[in-house]
Amino acid sequence: MDEESRSLTERLRQESGGSAAYERLAATRDTDELAEVLMAPGQPLWARELAAFRLGLAGDRRAFEALVLLLNHRDPQRCASAAHALARLGDPRTARAAAALATNELRVAYALHPVRLLVELHAPEAVPALITTLERRLRPHDPHRRVALACIEGLGTLGDPRARPVLTEALAHPALAEAAVHALARIPRPG
């Protein structure tokens, strides 16, 4: 069991109060039982999250919608767990959904995990979405520095020359300049 799985199971065990329902969901290998939790009305959030996470790790695409909703949740732990499962799900819709969440200016406070997921996926949507999100973060007094830093680091990791102009612009922002220098160093110079 990896660290993200351990963290999620402990957090959800506490949320559920260590109930028998939790123990059953945590132990089952029946993907249909897990999928039923996602469709059944009145299920607690911890149960839906556990079912979606486990289905995502199993590569079961029935988890996609629930995981995307959790990726955009106000609780950063839920976002991190959803991103972890989505990265392993293998659903071709994942990058497009993450790009939409990363660039949604109304939900930018929750864009950190979608940005990181895009970088992990190395999807075609990643560089344009990160550039768009970072450009918006370069406005004066933008409060979302962590999102801006994630975009800068991600663009450096992806190493795409299209990121050079926005990273150069980020150099003018003292809180972002050091990260931008490192990111620019990772992008190959034109030849």
N, C-alpha and C. Protein backbone atom coordinates (compact mmCIF):
# COMPACT_ATOMS: atom_id res chain seq x y z
N MET A 1 0.85 -1.18 0.00
CA MET A 1 0.00 0.00 0.00
C MET A 1 0.90 1.24 0.00
N ASP A 2 0.65 2.17 -0.93
CA ASP A 2 1.46 3.37 -1.00
C ASP A 2 1.03 4.40 0.05
N GLU A 3 1.80 5.46 0.18
CA GLU A 3 1.56 6.46 1.22
C GLU A 3 0.20 7.14 1.05
N GLU A 4 -0.18 7.46 -0.18
CA GLU A 4 -1.47 8.13 -0.41
C GLU A 4 -2.62 7.22 0.02
N SER A 5 -2.52 5.92 -0.28
CA SER A 5 -3.55 4.97 0.11
C SER A 5 -3.63 4.84 1.62
N ARG A 6 -2.47 4.78 2.27
CA ARG A 6 -2.44 4.69 3.74
C ARG A 6 -3.08 5.92 4.38
N SER A 7 -2.73 7.08 3.87
CA SER A 7 -3.26 8.33 4.40
C SER A 7 -4.78 8.40 4.23
N LEU A 8 -5.25 8.03 3.04
CA LEU A 8 -6.69 8.05 2.77
C LEU A 8 -7.43 7.07 3.67
N THR A 9 -6.94 5.85 3.78
CA THR A 9 -7.67 4.86 4.58
C THR A 9 -7.73 5.26 6.04
N GLU A 10 -6.66 5.83 6.57
CA GLU A 10 -6.68 6.26 7.98
C GLU A 10 -7.64 7.44 8.17
N ARG A 11 -7.58 8.41 7.27
CA ARG A 11 -8.48 9.57 7.36
C ARG A 11 -9.95 9.15 7.27
N LEU A 12 -10.26 8.27 6.33
CA LEU A 12 -11.65 7.84 6.15
C LEU A 12 -12.10 6.91 7.27
N ARG A 13 -11.20 6.14 7.83
CA ARG A 13 -11.54 5.30 8.99
C ARG A 13 -11.99 6.22 10.13
N GLN A 14 -11.28 7.31 10.35
CA GLN A 14 -11.66 8.26 11.39
C GLN A 14 -12.98 8.94 11.07
N GLU A 15 -13.16 9.37 9.81
CA GLU A 15 -14.42 10.02 9.42
C GLU A 15 -15.62 9.10 9.62
N SER A 16 -15.43 7.83 9.36
CA SER A 16 -16.54 6.88 9.46
C SER A 16 -16.77 6.42 10.89
N GLY A 17 -15.85 6.79 11.78
CA GLY A 17 -15.95 6.29 13.15
C GLY A 17 -15.57 4.83 13.26
N GLY A 18 -14.81 4.34 12.27
CA GLY A 18 -14.40 2.93 12.29
C GLY A 18 -15.57 1.97 12.16
N SER A 19 -16.58 2.38 11.45
CA SER A 19 -17.82 1.59 11.34
C SER A 19 -17.60 0.28 10.58
N ALA A 20 -18.55 -0.61 10.77
CA ALA A 20 -18.52 -1.88 10.04
C ALA A 20 -18.65 -1.64 8.54
N ALA A 21 -19.42 -0.62 8.15
CA ALA A 21 -19.58 -0.30 6.73
C ALA A 21 -18.23 0.11 6.13
N TYR A 22 -17.47 0.88 6.90
CA TYR A 22 -16.14 1.27 6.43
C TYR A 22 -15.27 0.03 6.24
N GLU A 23 -15.22 -0.81 7.24
CA GLU A 23 -14.37 -2.00 7.18
C GLU A 23 -14.75 -2.89 5.99
N ARG A 24 -16.06 -3.01 5.72
CA ARG A 24 -16.51 -3.81 4.58
C ARG A 24 -16.04 -3.19 3.26
N LEU A 25 -16.21 -1.86 3.11
CA LEU A 25 -15.79 -1.21 1.87
C LEU A 25 -14.27 -1.24 1.69
N ALA A 26 -13.55 -1.12 2.78
CA ALA A 26 -12.09 -1.13 2.70
C ALA A 26 -11.56 -2.51 2.34
N ALA A 27 -12.30 -3.55 2.68
CA ALA A 27 -11.82 -4.91 2.47
C ALA A 27 -12.32 -5.56 1.18
N THR A 28 -13.44 -5.10 0.66
CA THR A 28 -14.04 -5.79 -0.48
C THR A 28 -13.16 -5.73 -1.72
N ARG A 29 -13.23 -6.78 -2.50
CA ARG A 29 -12.56 -6.82 -3.80
C ARG A 29 -13.58 -6.78 -4.93
N ASP A 30 -14.85 -6.62 -4.55
CA ASP A 30 -15.95 -6.61 -5.50
C ASP A 30 -16.14 -5.20 -6.06
N THR A 31 -15.71 -4.99 -7.30
CA THR A 31 -15.82 -3.65 -7.89
C THR A 31 -17.28 -3.25 -8.11
N ASP A 32 -18.17 -4.21 -8.31
CA ASP A 32 -19.58 -3.87 -8.45
C ASP A 32 -20.14 -3.32 -7.14
N GLU A 33 -19.70 -3.87 -6.03
CA GLU A 33 -20.14 -3.36 -4.72
C GLU A 33 -19.64 -1.92 -4.53
N LEU A 34 -18.40 -1.67 -4.92
CA LEU A 34 -17.86 -0.31 -4.81
C LEU A 34 -18.60 0.65 -5.72
N ALA A 35 -18.89 0.23 -6.94
CA ALA A 35 -19.61 1.09 -7.88
C ALA A 35 -21.03 1.38 -7.38
N GLU A 36 -21.64 0.42 -6.73
CA GLU A 36 -22.99 0.63 -6.19
C GLU A 36 -23.00 1.76 -5.16
N VAL A 37 -21.94 1.88 -4.38
CA VAL A 37 -21.83 2.97 -3.39
C VAL A 37 -21.87 4.32 -4.09
N LEU A 38 -21.27 4.40 -5.27
CA LEU A 38 -21.26 5.67 -6.01
C LEU A 38 -22.64 6.03 -6.56
N MET A 39 -23.46 5.03 -6.81
CA MET A 39 -24.78 5.28 -7.41
C MET A 39 -25.90 5.36 -6.39
N ALA A 40 -25.72 4.77 -5.23
CA ALA A 40 -26.79 4.70 -4.23
C ALA A 40 -27.00 6.06 -3.56
N PRO A 41 -28.26 6.46 -3.39
CA PRO A 41 -28.53 7.73 -2.71
C PRO A 41 -28.22 7.64 -1.22
N GLY A 42 -27.88 8.79 -0.64
CA GLY A 42 -27.71 8.87 0.80
C GLY A 42 -26.41 8.33 1.35
N GLN A 43 -25.46 8.02 0.49
CA GLN A 43 -24.17 7.51 0.97
C GLN A 43 -23.34 8.65 1.55
N PRO A 44 -22.66 8.43 2.67
CA PRO A 44 -21.81 9.49 3.23
C PRO A 44 -20.62 9.77 2.31
N LEU A 45 -20.09 10.98 2.43
CA LEU A 45 -18.96 11.37 1.59
C LEU A 45 -17.77 10.42 1.75
N TRP A 46 -17.48 9.99 2.97
CA TRP A 46 -16.33 9.10 3.17
C TRP A 46 -16.50 7.80 2.38
N ALA A 47 -17.73 7.29 2.30
CA ALA A 47 -17.98 6.04 1.57
C ALA A 47 -17.81 6.25 0.06
N ARG A 48 -18.33 7.36 -0.43
CA ARG A 48 -18.18 7.66 -1.87
C ARG A 48 -16.70 7.84 -2.23
N GLU A 49 -15.98 8.56 -1.36
CA GLU A 49 -14.56 8.78 -1.64
C GLU A 49 -13.78 7.47 -1.62
N LEU A 50 -14.03 6.63 -0.64
CA LEU A 50 -13.33 5.36 -0.55
C LEU A 50 -13.64 4.48 -1.77
N ALA A 51 -14.89 4.42 -2.15
CA ALA A 51 -15.28 3.60 -3.30
C ALA A 51 -14.65 4.14 -4.59
N ALA A 52 -14.70 5.46 -4.78
CA ALA A 52 -14.14 6.04 -6.00
C ALA A 52 -12.63 5.84 -6.04
N PHE A 53 -11.96 6.03 -4.92
CA PHE A 53 -10.52 5.86 -4.86
C PHE A 53 -10.12 4.43 -5.21
N ARG A 54 -10.79 3.48 -4.59
CA ARG A 54 -10.45 2.07 -4.83
C ARG A 54 -10.74 1.66 -6.27
N LEU A 55 -11.87 2.14 -6.82
CA LEU A 55 -12.17 1.85 -8.22
C LEU A 55 -11.14 2.49 -9.14
N GLY A 56 -10.74 3.72 -8.82
CA GLY A 56 -9.73 4.40 -9.63
C GLY A 56 -8.43 3.64 -9.67
N LEU A 57 -7.99 3.18 -8.51
CA LEU A 57 -6.74 2.41 -8.47
C LEU A 57 -6.87 1.10 -9.23
N ALA A 58 -8.08 0.56 -9.29
CA ALA A 58 -8.33 -0.69 -10.01
C ALA A 58 -8.49 -0.47 -11.52
N GLY A 59 -8.49 0.80 -11.95
CA GLY A 59 -8.65 1.10 -13.37
C GLY A 59 -10.09 1.01 -13.84
N ASP A 60 -11.03 1.08 -12.93
CA ASP A 60 -12.45 0.98 -13.25
C ASP A 60 -13.00 2.37 -13.53
N ARG A 61 -13.37 2.62 -14.77
CA ARG A 61 -13.77 3.96 -15.21
C ARG A 61 -15.10 4.43 -14.62
N ARG A 62 -15.80 3.57 -13.92
CA ARG A 62 -17.03 4.02 -13.25
C ARG A 62 -16.71 5.03 -12.16
N ALA A 63 -15.47 5.14 -11.78
CA ALA A 63 -15.06 6.08 -10.73
C ALA A 63 -14.80 7.48 -11.27
N PHE A 64 -14.74 7.64 -12.57
CA PHE A 64 -14.27 8.90 -13.16
C PHE A 64 -15.02 10.13 -12.64
N GLU A 65 -16.34 10.15 -12.76
CA GLU A 65 -17.10 11.35 -12.39
C GLU A 65 -16.92 11.69 -10.92
N ALA A 66 -16.99 10.69 -10.06
CA ALA A 66 -16.82 10.94 -8.62
C ALA A 66 -15.43 11.47 -8.32
N LEU A 67 -14.42 10.93 -8.97
CA LEU A 67 -13.06 11.40 -8.73
C LEU A 67 -12.86 12.82 -9.22
N VAL A 68 -13.46 13.18 -10.34
CA VAL A 68 -13.34 14.56 -10.84
C VAL A 68 -14.02 15.52 -9.86
N LEU A 69 -15.17 15.15 -9.34
CA LEU A 69 -15.82 16.00 -8.33
C LEU A 69 -14.92 16.16 -7.10
N LEU A 70 -14.31 15.09 -6.66
CA LEU A 70 -13.42 15.15 -5.50
C LEU A 70 -12.14 15.94 -5.80
N LEU A 71 -11.69 15.93 -7.04
CA LEU A 71 -10.50 16.69 -7.44
C LEU A 71 -10.73 18.18 -7.26
N ASN A 72 -11.98 18.60 -7.29
CA ASN A 72 -12.35 20.01 -7.18
C ASN A 72 -13.00 20.31 -5.83
N HIS A 73 -12.73 19.49 -4.84
CA HIS A 73 -13.34 19.64 -3.51
C HIS A 73 -12.59 20.71 -2.71
N ARG A 74 -13.26 21.30 -1.75
CA ARG A 74 -12.63 22.34 -0.92
C ARG A 74 -11.60 21.77 0.05
N ASP A 75 -11.64 20.48 0.31
CA ASP A 75 -10.71 19.83 1.23
C ASP A 75 -9.49 19.34 0.44
N PRO A 76 -8.31 19.92 0.69
CA PRO A 76 -7.11 19.54 -0.08
C PRO A 76 -6.76 18.05 0.00
N GLN A 77 -7.07 17.40 1.12
CA GLN A 77 -6.77 15.97 1.23
C GLN A 77 -7.61 15.16 0.25
N ARG A 78 -8.87 15.54 0.10
CA ARG A 78 -9.73 14.85 -0.86
C ARG A 78 -9.22 15.08 -2.29
N CYS A 79 -8.79 16.32 -2.57
CA CYS A 79 -8.26 16.63 -3.90
C CYS A 79 -7.02 15.78 -4.19
N ALA A 80 -6.13 15.69 -3.22
CA ALA A 80 -4.90 14.92 -3.42
C ALA A 80 -5.19 13.45 -3.66
N SER A 81 -6.10 12.89 -2.90
CA SER A 81 -6.47 11.48 -3.09
C SER A 81 -7.11 11.25 -4.45
N ALA A 82 -7.98 12.17 -4.85
CA ALA A 82 -8.62 12.04 -6.16
C ALA A 82 -7.60 12.13 -7.28
N ALA A 83 -6.66 13.06 -7.17
CA ALA A 83 -5.62 13.20 -8.20
C ALA A 83 -4.79 11.92 -8.29
N HIS A 84 -4.46 11.35 -7.15
CA HIS A 84 -3.68 10.11 -7.11
C HIS A 84 -4.44 8.99 -7.85
N ALA A 85 -5.72 8.85 -7.56
CA ALA A 85 -6.51 7.79 -8.20
C ALA A 85 -6.71 8.08 -9.69
N LEU A 86 -6.98 9.34 -10.04
CA LEU A 86 -7.18 9.69 -11.45
C LEU A 86 -5.92 9.43 -12.28
N ALA A 87 -4.76 9.67 -11.70
CA ALA A 87 -3.51 9.43 -12.42
C ALA A 87 -3.33 7.95 -12.75
N ARG A 88 -3.94 7.09 -11.96
CA ARG A 88 -3.80 5.65 -12.16
C ARG A 88 -5.00 5.04 -12.90
N LEU A 89 -6.06 5.80 -13.02
CA LEU A 89 -7.29 5.29 -13.63
C LEU A 89 -7.11 4.93 -15.10
N GLY A 90 -6.38 5.77 -15.84
CA GLY A 90 -6.18 5.49 -17.26
C GLY A 90 -7.35 5.89 -18.13
N ASP A 91 -8.18 6.82 -17.66
CA ASP A 91 -9.33 7.27 -18.45
C ASP A 91 -8.88 8.43 -19.35
N PRO A 92 -9.16 8.35 -20.66
CA PRO A 92 -8.70 9.40 -21.57
C PRO A 92 -9.36 10.76 -21.31
N ARG A 93 -10.42 10.80 -20.54
CA ARG A 93 -11.09 12.08 -20.24
C ARG A 93 -10.40 12.85 -19.11
N THR A 94 -9.49 12.21 -18.42
CA THR A 94 -8.90 12.80 -17.22
C THR A 94 -8.17 14.11 -17.51
N ALA A 95 -7.33 14.14 -18.51
CA ALA A 95 -6.54 15.36 -18.78
C ALA A 95 -7.45 16.52 -19.15
N ARG A 96 -8.46 16.28 -19.94
CA ARG A 96 -9.38 17.35 -20.32
C ARG A 96 -10.12 17.89 -19.10
N ALA A 97 -10.55 17.01 -18.22
CA ALA A 97 -11.23 17.43 -16.99
C ALA A 97 -10.29 18.22 -16.08
N ALA A 98 -9.07 17.73 -15.93
CA ALA A 98 -8.09 18.44 -15.08
C ALA A 98 -7.77 19.81 -15.66
N ALA A 99 -7.65 19.90 -16.97
CA ALA A 99 -7.38 21.19 -17.62
C ALA A 99 -8.53 22.16 -17.39
N ALA A 100 -9.76 21.66 -17.49
CA ALA A 100 -10.92 22.52 -17.25
C ALA A 100 -10.94 23.03 -15.81
N LEU A 101 -10.61 22.17 -14.86
CA LEU A 101 -10.58 22.59 -13.46
C LEU A 101 -9.42 23.55 -13.20
N ALA A 102 -8.28 23.31 -13.78
CA ALA A 102 -7.10 24.16 -13.56
C ALA A 102 -7.32 25.57 -14.11
N THR A 103 -8.07 25.68 -15.18
CA THR A 103 -8.27 26.98 -15.82
C THR A 103 -9.57 27.67 -15.42
N ASN A 104 -10.35 27.05 -14.56
CA ASN A 104 -11.62 27.65 -14.12
C ASN A 104 -11.32 28.73 -13.10
N GLU A 105 -11.41 29.97 -13.52
CA GLU A 105 -11.04 31.09 -12.66
C GLU A 105 -11.95 31.22 -11.45
N LEU A 106 -13.16 30.71 -11.53
CA LEU A 106 -14.07 30.77 -10.38
C LEU A 106 -13.67 29.77 -9.29
N ARG A 107 -12.88 28.78 -9.64
CA ARG A 107 -12.46 27.75 -8.69
C ARG A 107 -10.94 27.68 -8.55
N VAL A 108 -10.27 28.76 -8.85
CA VAL A 108 -8.80 28.76 -8.86
C VAL A 108 -8.22 28.41 -7.49
N ALA A 109 -8.92 28.68 -6.44
CA ALA A 109 -8.42 28.33 -5.10
C ALA A 109 -8.22 26.82 -4.95
N TYR A 110 -8.89 26.04 -5.80
CA TYR A 110 -8.81 24.58 -5.74
C TYR A 110 -8.05 24.00 -6.94
N ALA A 111 -7.27 24.82 -7.63
CA ALA A 111 -6.60 24.40 -8.86
C ALA A 111 -5.27 23.69 -8.64
N LEU A 112 -4.74 23.70 -7.43
CA LEU A 112 -3.42 23.14 -7.18
C LEU A 112 -3.31 21.68 -7.61
N HIS A 113 -4.24 20.86 -7.19
CA HIS A 113 -4.16 19.43 -7.52
C HIS A 113 -4.46 19.13 -8.99
N PRO A 114 -5.42 19.83 -9.62
CA PRO A 114 -5.55 19.63 -11.06
C PRO A 114 -4.29 20.01 -11.84
N VAL A 115 -3.60 21.08 -11.42
CA VAL A 115 -2.35 21.47 -12.08
C VAL A 115 -1.32 20.36 -11.93
N ARG A 116 -1.15 19.87 -10.72
CA ARG A 116 -0.17 18.81 -10.48
C ARG A 116 -0.52 17.53 -11.24
N LEU A 117 -1.81 17.23 -11.33
CA LEU A 117 -2.24 16.05 -12.07
C LEU A 117 -1.90 16.18 -13.55
N LEU A 118 -2.13 17.35 -14.12
CA LEU A 118 -1.79 17.58 -15.53
C LEU A 118 -0.31 17.32 -15.79
N VAL A 119 0.53 17.78 -14.88
CA VAL A 119 1.97 17.57 -15.04
C VAL A 119 2.29 16.08 -14.97
N GLU A 120 1.68 15.39 -14.02
CA GLU A 120 1.94 13.96 -13.88
C GLU A 120 1.50 13.18 -15.12
N LEU A 121 0.41 13.61 -15.74
CA LEU A 121 -0.12 12.91 -16.91
C LEU A 121 0.69 13.19 -18.18
N HIS A 122 1.41 14.31 -18.23
CA HIS A 122 2.14 14.72 -19.44
C HIS A 122 1.20 14.73 -20.65
N ALA A 123 -0.01 15.18 -20.44
CA ALA A 123 -1.02 15.17 -21.50
C ALA A 123 -0.86 16.38 -22.42
N PRO A 124 -1.34 16.29 -23.65
CA PRO A 124 -1.27 17.44 -24.57
C PRO A 124 -1.94 18.69 -24.00
N GLU A 125 -2.95 18.51 -23.17
CA GLU A 125 -3.67 19.65 -22.58
C GLU A 125 -2.87 20.36 -21.50
N ALA A 126 -1.82 19.74 -21.00
CA ALA A 126 -1.11 20.24 -19.83
C ALA A 126 -0.47 21.61 -20.05
N VAL A 127 0.37 21.74 -21.06
CA VAL A 127 1.10 22.98 -21.25
C VAL A 127 0.16 24.16 -21.51
N PRO A 128 -0.80 24.07 -22.43
CA PRO A 128 -1.71 25.21 -22.62
C PRO A 128 -2.48 25.59 -21.35
N ALA A 129 -2.93 24.59 -20.60
CA ALA A 129 -3.68 24.88 -19.37
C ALA A 129 -2.80 25.54 -18.33
N LEU A 130 -1.58 25.06 -18.16
CA LEU A 130 -0.67 25.65 -17.18
C LEU A 130 -0.26 27.06 -17.57
N ILE A 131 -0.05 27.29 -18.85
CA ILE A 131 0.28 28.64 -19.32
C ILE A 131 -0.88 29.59 -19.02
N THR A 132 -2.09 29.19 -19.37
CA THR A 132 -3.27 30.02 -19.11
C THR A 132 -3.42 30.33 -17.63
N THR A 133 -3.31 29.31 -16.80
CA THR A 133 -3.48 29.49 -15.36
C THR A 133 -2.39 30.40 -14.80
N LEU A 134 -1.15 30.20 -15.23
CA LEU A 134 -0.05 31.03 -14.74
C LEU A 134 -0.20 32.48 -15.20
N GLU A 135 -0.58 32.70 -16.45
CA GLU A 135 -0.77 34.07 -16.93
C GLU A 135 -1.75 34.83 -16.03
N ARG A 136 -2.79 34.18 -15.62
CA ARG A 136 -3.79 34.82 -14.75
C ARG A 136 -3.24 35.08 -13.34
N ARG A 137 -2.29 34.28 -12.91
CA ARG A 137 -1.71 34.45 -11.57
C ARG A 137 -0.68 35.57 -11.53
N LEU A 138 -0.28 36.07 -12.69
CA LEU A 138 0.73 37.12 -12.75
C LEU A 138 0.13 38.51 -12.62
N ARG A 139 -1.15 38.59 -12.37
CA ARG A 139 -1.80 39.89 -12.13
C ARG A 139 -1.37 40.42 -10.76
N PRO A 140 -1.35 41.74 -10.61
CA PRO A 140 -0.96 42.31 -9.31
C PRO A 140 -1.86 41.81 -8.18
N HIS A 141 -1.23 41.47 -7.06
CA HIS A 141 -1.91 41.09 -5.82
C HIS A 141 -2.73 39.80 -5.94
N ASP A 142 -2.35 38.93 -6.83
CA ASP A 142 -3.07 37.65 -6.95
C ASP A 142 -2.78 36.81 -5.70
N PRO A 143 -3.82 36.29 -5.04
CA PRO A 143 -3.61 35.57 -3.78
C PRO A 143 -3.25 34.08 -3.94
N HIS A 144 -3.14 33.60 -5.14
CA HIS A 144 -2.98 32.16 -5.37
C HIS A 144 -1.54 31.80 -5.76
N ARG A 145 -0.60 32.17 -4.91
CA ARG A 145 0.81 31.95 -5.18
C ARG A 145 1.15 30.47 -5.30
N ARG A 146 0.55 29.62 -4.47
CA ARG A 146 0.86 28.19 -4.54
C ARG A 146 0.47 27.60 -5.90
N VAL A 147 -0.64 28.08 -6.45
CA VAL A 147 -1.06 27.62 -7.78
C VAL A 147 -0.06 28.10 -8.82
N ALA A 148 0.36 29.36 -8.71
CA ALA A 148 1.35 29.90 -9.65
C ALA A 148 2.64 29.10 -9.58
N LEU A 149 3.12 28.82 -8.38
CA LEU A 149 4.35 28.04 -8.24
C LEU A 149 4.21 26.63 -8.82
N ALA A 150 3.05 26.01 -8.61
CA ALA A 150 2.82 24.68 -9.18
C ALA A 150 2.85 24.73 -10.71
N CYS A 151 2.29 25.80 -11.28
CA CYS A 151 2.32 25.96 -12.74
C CYS A 151 3.76 26.12 -13.22
N ILE A 152 4.52 26.96 -12.54
CA ILE A 152 5.91 27.21 -12.93
C ILE A 152 6.72 25.91 -12.85
N GLU A 153 6.62 25.23 -11.72
CA GLU A 153 7.36 23.97 -11.56
C GLU A 153 6.92 22.94 -12.60
N GLY A 154 5.61 22.88 -12.86
CA GLY A 154 5.10 21.94 -13.84
C GLY A 154 5.58 22.25 -15.25
N LEU A 155 5.59 23.52 -15.60
CA LEU A 155 6.07 23.90 -16.93
C LEU A 155 7.56 23.57 -17.08
N GLY A 156 8.32 23.73 -16.00
CA GLY A 156 9.72 23.33 -16.04
C GLY A 156 9.87 21.83 -16.23
N THR A 157 9.06 21.07 -15.51
CA THR A 157 9.09 19.62 -15.63
C THR A 157 8.74 19.17 -17.05
N LEU A 158 7.74 19.80 -17.63
CA LEU A 158 7.30 19.42 -18.97
C LEU A 158 8.28 19.87 -20.04
N GLY A 159 9.03 20.95 -19.77
CA GLY A 159 10.10 21.38 -20.67
C GLY A 159 9.68 21.82 -22.04
N ASP A 160 8.48 22.32 -22.17
CA ASP A 160 7.96 22.73 -23.48
C ASP A 160 8.34 24.18 -23.77
N PRO A 161 8.96 24.45 -24.93
CA PRO A 161 9.38 25.82 -25.27
C PRO A 161 8.23 26.84 -25.30
N ARG A 162 6.99 26.39 -25.48
CA ARG A 162 5.86 27.33 -25.48
C ARG A 162 5.72 28.05 -24.14
N ALA A 163 6.32 27.49 -23.09
CA ALA A 163 6.21 28.09 -21.75
C ALA A 163 7.21 29.21 -21.53
N ARG A 164 8.21 29.33 -22.39
CA ARG A 164 9.26 30.32 -22.17
C ARG A 164 8.73 31.75 -21.95
N PRO A 165 7.80 32.27 -22.77
CA PRO A 165 7.35 33.66 -22.56
C PRO A 165 6.68 33.90 -21.19
N VAL A 166 5.81 32.99 -20.76
CA VAL A 166 5.13 33.21 -19.48
C VAL A 166 6.09 33.03 -18.32
N LEU A 167 7.03 32.12 -18.45
CA LEU A 167 8.04 31.95 -17.40
C LEU A 167 8.96 33.16 -17.32
N THR A 168 9.27 33.73 -18.45
CA THR A 168 10.08 34.96 -18.47
C THR A 168 9.32 36.10 -17.80
N GLU A 169 8.04 36.17 -18.05
CA GLU A 169 7.20 37.19 -17.40
C GLU A 169 7.15 36.97 -15.88
N ALA A 170 7.16 35.73 -15.44
CA ALA A 170 7.12 35.41 -14.01
C ALA A 170 8.38 35.87 -13.29
N LEU A 171 9.47 36.07 -14.02
CA LEU A 171 10.71 36.54 -13.40
C LEU A 171 10.53 37.91 -12.72
N ALA A 172 9.58 38.69 -13.17
CA ALA A 172 9.34 40.03 -12.62
C ALA A 172 8.60 39.99 -11.29
N HIS A 173 8.19 38.81 -10.84
CA HIS A 173 7.44 38.67 -9.59
C HIS A 173 8.37 38.05 -8.55
N PRO A 174 8.77 38.83 -7.53
CA PRO A 174 9.76 38.35 -6.55
C PRO A 174 9.42 36.99 -5.93
N ALA A 175 8.16 36.74 -5.64
CA ALA A 175 7.77 35.47 -5.00
C ALA A 175 7.87 34.28 -5.96
N LEU A 176 7.95 34.55 -7.25
CA LEU A 176 7.95 33.49 -8.26
C LEU A 176 9.27 33.39 -9.02
N ALA A 177 10.12 34.40 -8.88
CA ALA A 177 11.31 34.52 -9.73
C ALA A 177 12.25 33.32 -9.62
N GLU A 178 12.54 32.87 -8.41
CA GLU A 178 13.48 31.77 -8.26
C GLU A 178 12.97 30.50 -8.95
N ALA A 179 11.69 30.20 -8.74
CA ALA A 179 11.11 29.02 -9.39
C ALA A 179 11.13 29.18 -10.91
N ALA A 180 10.88 30.39 -11.39
CA ALA A 180 10.88 30.64 -12.84
C ALA A 180 12.27 30.45 -13.43
N VAL A 181 13.31 30.88 -12.70
CA VAL A 181 14.69 30.68 -13.17
C VAL A 181 14.96 29.19 -13.34
N HIS A 182 14.58 28.40 -12.33
CA HIS A 182 14.82 26.95 -12.40
C HIS A 182 14.02 26.30 -13.53
N ALA A 183 12.78 26.74 -13.71
CA ALA A 183 11.95 26.18 -14.78
C ALA A 183 12.51 26.53 -16.14
N LEU A 184 12.92 27.77 -16.31
CA LEU A 184 13.50 28.18 -17.61
C LEU A 184 14.77 27.40 -17.92
N ALA A 185 15.55 27.07 -16.91
CA ALA A 185 16.77 26.30 -17.12
C ALA A 185 16.49 24.88 -17.63
N ARG A 186 15.27 24.39 -17.41
CA ARG A 186 14.92 23.03 -17.83
C ARG A 186 14.36 22.98 -19.25
N ILE A 187 14.07 24.16 -19.81
CA ILE A 187 13.48 24.21 -21.15
C ILE A 187 14.60 24.34 -22.17
N PRO A 188 14.65 23.45 -23.14
CA PRO A 188 15.73 23.52 -24.14
C PRO A 188 15.68 24.83 -24.92
N ARG A 189 16.86 25.36 -25.16
CA ARG A 189 16.97 26.58 -25.99
C ARG A 189 16.77 26.23 -27.46
N PRO A 190 16.16 27.15 -28.21
CA PRO A 190 16.00 26.88 -29.65
C PRO A 190 17.36 26.78 -30.32
N GLY A 191 17.42 25.89 -31.27
CA GLY A 191 18.59 25.54 -31.84
C GLY A 191 19.50 25.96 -32.75
